[in-house]
């Protein structure tokens, strides 16, 4: 699990996930993870347990 700050309004979330492409607004799981990213430091996140997945995906999460 890696997070890349790319600016004030976006971060790129690089996770192992089961879909090739995903829309942030359509994926409740990523919204949930995004809230966790906001609320906790990265070492408190247990992303690998929550995302039981196969492929590496880069997701751009925008602040709303």
C-alpha atoms as a PDB file:
ATOM      1  CA  UNK A   1       0.000   0.000   0.000  1.00  0.00           C
ATOM      2  CA  UNK A   2       1.439   3.323  -1.060  1.00  0.00           C
ATOM      3  CA  UNK A   3       0.131   6.862  -1.051  1.00  0.00           C
ATOM      4  CA  UNK A   4       1.580   9.599  -3.182  1.00  0.00           C
ATOM      5  CA  UNK A   5       0.714  13.223  -2.392  1.00  0.00           C
ATOM      6  CA  UNK A   6       0.430  14.945  -5.772  1.00  0.00           C
ATOM      7  CA  UNK A   7      -0.929  18.301  -4.693  1.00  0.00           C
ATOM      8  CA  UNK A   8      -3.361  20.045  -2.407  1.00  0.00           C
ATOM      9  CA  UNK A   9      -6.434  18.586  -4.070  1.00  0.00           C
ATOM     10  CA  UNK A  10      -5.428  15.067  -5.095  1.00  0.00           C
ATOM     11  CA  UNK A  11      -3.636  11.988  -3.893  1.00  0.00           C
ATOM     12  CA  UNK A  12      -2.859   8.855  -5.868  1.00  0.00           C
ATOM     13  CA  UNK A  13      -3.776   5.712  -4.001  1.00  0.00           C
ATOM     14  CA  UNK A  14      -1.846   2.683  -5.217  1.00  0.00           C
ATOM     15  CA  UNK A  15      -3.588  -0.425  -3.896  1.00  0.00           C
ATOM     16  CA  UNK A  16      -4.064  -4.048  -4.723  1.00  0.00           C
ATOM     17  CA  UNK A  17      -7.608  -4.253  -5.957  1.00  0.00           C
ATOM     18  CA  UNK A  18      -9.691  -6.676  -7.962  1.00  0.00           C
ATOM     19  CA  UNK A  19     -10.789  -4.266 -10.679  1.00  0.00           C
ATOM     20  CA  UNK A  20      -8.769  -2.927 -13.579  1.00  0.00           C
ATOM     21  CA  UNK A  21     -10.407   0.487 -13.369  1.00  0.00           C
ATOM     22  CA  UNK A  22     -12.602   2.038 -10.732  1.00  0.00           C
ATOM     23  CA  UNK A  23     -14.364   5.341 -10.231  1.00  0.00           C
ATOM     24  CA  UNK A  24     -13.860   6.935  -6.836  1.00  0.00           C
ATOM     25  CA  UNK A  25     -17.420   8.205  -6.626  1.00  0.00           C
ATOM     26  CA  UNK A  26     -18.838   4.797  -7.517  1.00  0.00           C
ATOM     27  CA  UNK A  27     -16.813   2.717  -5.098  1.00  0.00           C
ATOM     28  CA  UNK A  28     -17.964   2.728  -1.501  1.00  0.00           C
ATOM     29  CA  UNK A  29     -14.981   0.693  -0.388  1.00  0.00           C
ATOM     30  CA  UNK A  30     -12.532   3.264  -1.706  1.00  0.00           C
ATOM     31  CA  UNK A  31     -14.539   6.066  -0.140  1.00  0.00           C
ATOM     32  CA  UNK A  32     -14.290   4.212   3.150  1.00  0.00           C
ATOM     33  CA  UNK A  33     -10.530   3.791   2.728  1.00  0.00           C
ATOM     34  CA  UNK A  34     -10.223   7.411   1.729  1.00  0.00           C
ATOM     35  CA  UNK A  35     -11.904   8.509   4.951  1.00  0.00           C
ATOM     36  CA  UNK A  36      -9.493   6.275   6.853  1.00  0.00           C
ATOM     37  CA  UNK A  37      -6.567   7.895   5.069  1.00  0.00           C
ATOM     38  CA  UNK A  38      -7.852  11.262   6.203  1.00  0.00           C
ATOM     39  CA  UNK A  39      -8.403  10.150   9.788  1.00  0.00           C
ATOM     40  CA  UNK A  40      -5.393   7.952  10.505  1.00  0.00           C
ATOM     41  CA  UNK A  41      -1.716   7.734   9.769  1.00  0.00           C
ATOM     42  CA  UNK A  42      -0.678   5.213   7.135  1.00  0.00           C
ATOM     43  CA  UNK A  43       0.789   2.674   9.520  1.00  0.00           C
ATOM     44  CA  UNK A  44      -2.553   2.438  11.294  1.00  0.00           C
ATOM     45  CA  UNK A  45      -4.287   1.398   8.086  1.00  0.00           C
ATOM     46  CA  UNK A  46      -4.776  -2.302   7.544  1.00  0.00           C
ATOM     47  CA  UNK A  47      -5.426  -2.031   3.853  1.00  0.00           C
ATOM     48  CA  UNK A  48      -4.206  -5.473   2.892  1.00  0.00           C
ATOM     49  CA  UNK A  49      -6.778  -7.102   5.130  1.00  0.00           C
ATOM     50  CA  UNK A  50      -9.607  -5.028   3.735  1.00  0.00           C
ATOM     51  CA  UNK A  51      -8.696  -5.265   0.076  1.00  0.00           C
ATOM     52  CA  UNK A  52      -8.342  -8.922  -0.778  1.00  0.00           C
ATOM     53  CA  UNK A  53      -7.159  -8.405  -4.278  1.00  0.00           C
ATOM     54  CA  UNK A  54      -4.995  -9.406  -7.175  1.00  0.00           C
ATOM     55  CA  UNK A  55      -4.079  -6.485  -9.368  1.00  0.00           C
ATOM     56  CA  UNK A  56      -2.261  -3.266  -8.677  1.00  0.00           C
ATOM     57  CA  UNK A  57      -4.374  -0.225  -9.401  1.00  0.00           C
ATOM     58  CA  UNK A  58      -3.672   3.464  -9.194  1.00  0.00           C
ATOM     59  CA  UNK A  59      -6.711   5.390  -8.065  1.00  0.00           C
ATOM     60  CA  UNK A  60      -6.886   9.147  -8.014  1.00  0.00           C
ATOM     61  CA  UNK A  61      -8.913  10.380  -5.073  1.00  0.00           C
ATOM     62  CA  UNK A  62     -10.052  13.981  -5.182  1.00  0.00           C
ATOM     63  CA  UNK A  63     -11.114  16.024  -2.204  1.00  0.00           C
ATOM     64  CA  UNK A  64     -14.769  17.048  -2.325  1.00  0.00           C
END
